[in-house]
Amino acid sequence: MGESQGHSHRQVDARDPTATPVLSFGTPVPDRVLAASVHGMQWNDDAQASLKKDVPFFVRPAVRKRVEAMAQDAGLDQISVEFYRDARDKMAPK
């Protein structure tokens, strides 16, 4: 069967920080939706933007996982920019 109507389809690896997953019909998935669905915890837009600005793409998944674990330990179900910055500061080498 192969490709239909000249459109190619590729699998998106959710662990690939450079991938931009798309919904059917080619609609890009917003970062906040991706954060909730792939990572299991909601990140507000400012926190998501700060993570992308502060952390190189190749270590971002590990940092995200660590921040989410810290948020779970604190009883949170969402990452705010304030929480992210506090967690980032706690993880920073001294």
Protein backbone atom coordinates (compact mmCIF):
# COMPACT_ATOMS: atom_id res chain seq x y z
CA MET A 1 0.00 0.00 0.00
CA GLY A 2 2.76 2.57 0.78
CA GLU A 3 2.28 6.31 0.71
CA SER A 4 -1.03 7.85 -0.21
CA GLN A 5 -1.47 11.12 -2.08
CA GLY A 6 2.26 11.86 -1.93
CA HIS A 7 2.37 12.36 1.84
CA SER A 8 5.10 10.65 3.79
CA HIS A 9 4.52 9.41 7.30
CA ARG A 10 7.24 8.85 9.84
CA GLN A 11 7.21 7.64 13.38
CA VAL A 12 8.02 10.33 15.94
CA ASP A 13 10.21 9.26 18.83
CA ALA A 14 8.89 11.10 21.91
CA ARG A 15 12.37 10.95 23.42
CA ASP A 16 13.78 13.02 20.55
CA PRO A 17 13.83 16.61 21.85
CA THR A 18 14.08 17.96 18.29
CA ALA A 19 11.00 16.12 17.02
CA THR A 20 7.81 18.05 16.47
CA PRO A 21 4.98 15.56 16.79
CA VAL A 22 1.90 16.27 14.73
CA LEU A 23 -1.74 15.36 15.11
CA SER A 24 -3.57 13.87 12.18
CA PHE A 25 -3.96 16.20 9.22
CA GLY A 26 -0.55 17.77 9.92
CA THR A 27 -1.52 19.94 12.91
CA PRO A 28 1.53 20.55 15.15
CA VAL A 29 1.10 19.53 18.78
CA PRO A 30 1.56 22.52 21.12
CA ASP A 31 4.40 22.16 23.64
CA ARG A 32 2.01 22.37 26.59
CA VAL A 33 -0.06 19.47 25.23
CA LEU A 34 3.06 17.46 24.48
CA ALA A 35 4.39 18.16 27.98
CA ALA A 36 1.23 16.80 29.56
CA SER A 37 0.80 13.79 27.31
CA VAL A 38 4.37 12.59 26.83
CA HIS A 39 5.91 13.57 30.13
CA GLY A 40 2.90 13.04 32.36
CA MET A 41 3.04 16.44 33.99
CA GLN A 42 1.75 19.78 32.78
CA TRP A 43 4.31 22.57 32.29
CA ASN A 44 3.06 26.12 31.94
CA ASP A 45 4.24 28.00 28.86
CA ASP A 46 6.80 30.16 30.72
CA ALA A 47 8.35 27.14 32.43
CA GLN A 48 8.55 25.28 29.12
CA ALA A 49 10.19 28.29 27.44
CA SER A 50 12.69 28.68 30.28
CA LEU A 51 13.65 25.01 30.10
CA LYS A 52 14.27 25.32 26.36
CA LYS A 53 16.30 28.51 26.84
CA ASP A 54 18.36 27.29 29.81
CA VAL A 55 19.09 23.66 28.99
CA PRO A 56 20.86 22.23 25.92
CA PHE A 57 18.61 19.88 23.92
CA PHE A 58 20.75 16.82 24.59
CA VAL A 59 20.32 16.99 28.39
CA ARG A 60 16.82 18.49 28.41
CA PRO A 61 15.01 15.13 28.82
CA ALA A 62 17.05 14.30 31.94
CA VAL A 63 16.52 17.76 33.44
CA ARG A 64 12.80 17.59 32.66
CA LYS A 65 12.57 14.21 34.37
CA ARG A 66 14.42 15.48 37.43
CA VAL A 67 12.28 18.63 37.72
CA GLU A 68 9.12 16.55 37.38
CA ALA A 69 10.32 14.18 40.11
CA MET A 70 11.01 17.17 42.36
CA ALA A 71 7.50 18.51 41.63
CA GLN A 72 5.93 15.15 42.43
CA ASP A 73 7.86 15.04 45.71
CA ALA A 74 6.45 18.50 46.47
CA GLY A 75 2.92 17.27 45.74
CA LEU A 76 2.51 19.33 42.56
CA ASP A 77 0.81 18.29 39.34
CA GLN A 78 2.00 21.26 37.28
CA ILE A 79 5.37 22.93 36.75
CA SER A 80 5.28 26.72 37.07
CA VAL A 81 8.15 28.91 35.98
CA GLU A 82 8.82 29.76 39.64
CA PHE A 83 9.07 26.08 40.58
CA TYR A 84 11.24 25.34 37.55
CA ARG A 85 13.68 28.17 38.42
CA ASP A 86 13.88 27.05 42.04
CA ALA A 87 14.53 23.44 40.96
CA ARG A 88 17.12 24.61 38.39
CA ASP A 89 18.93 26.59 41.07
CA LYS A 90 18.94 23.58 43.42
CA MET A 91 20.42 21.37 40.67
CA ALA A 92 23.09 23.87 39.60
CA PRO A 93 26.65 22.99 40.58
CA LYS A 94 27.98 25.17 43.37
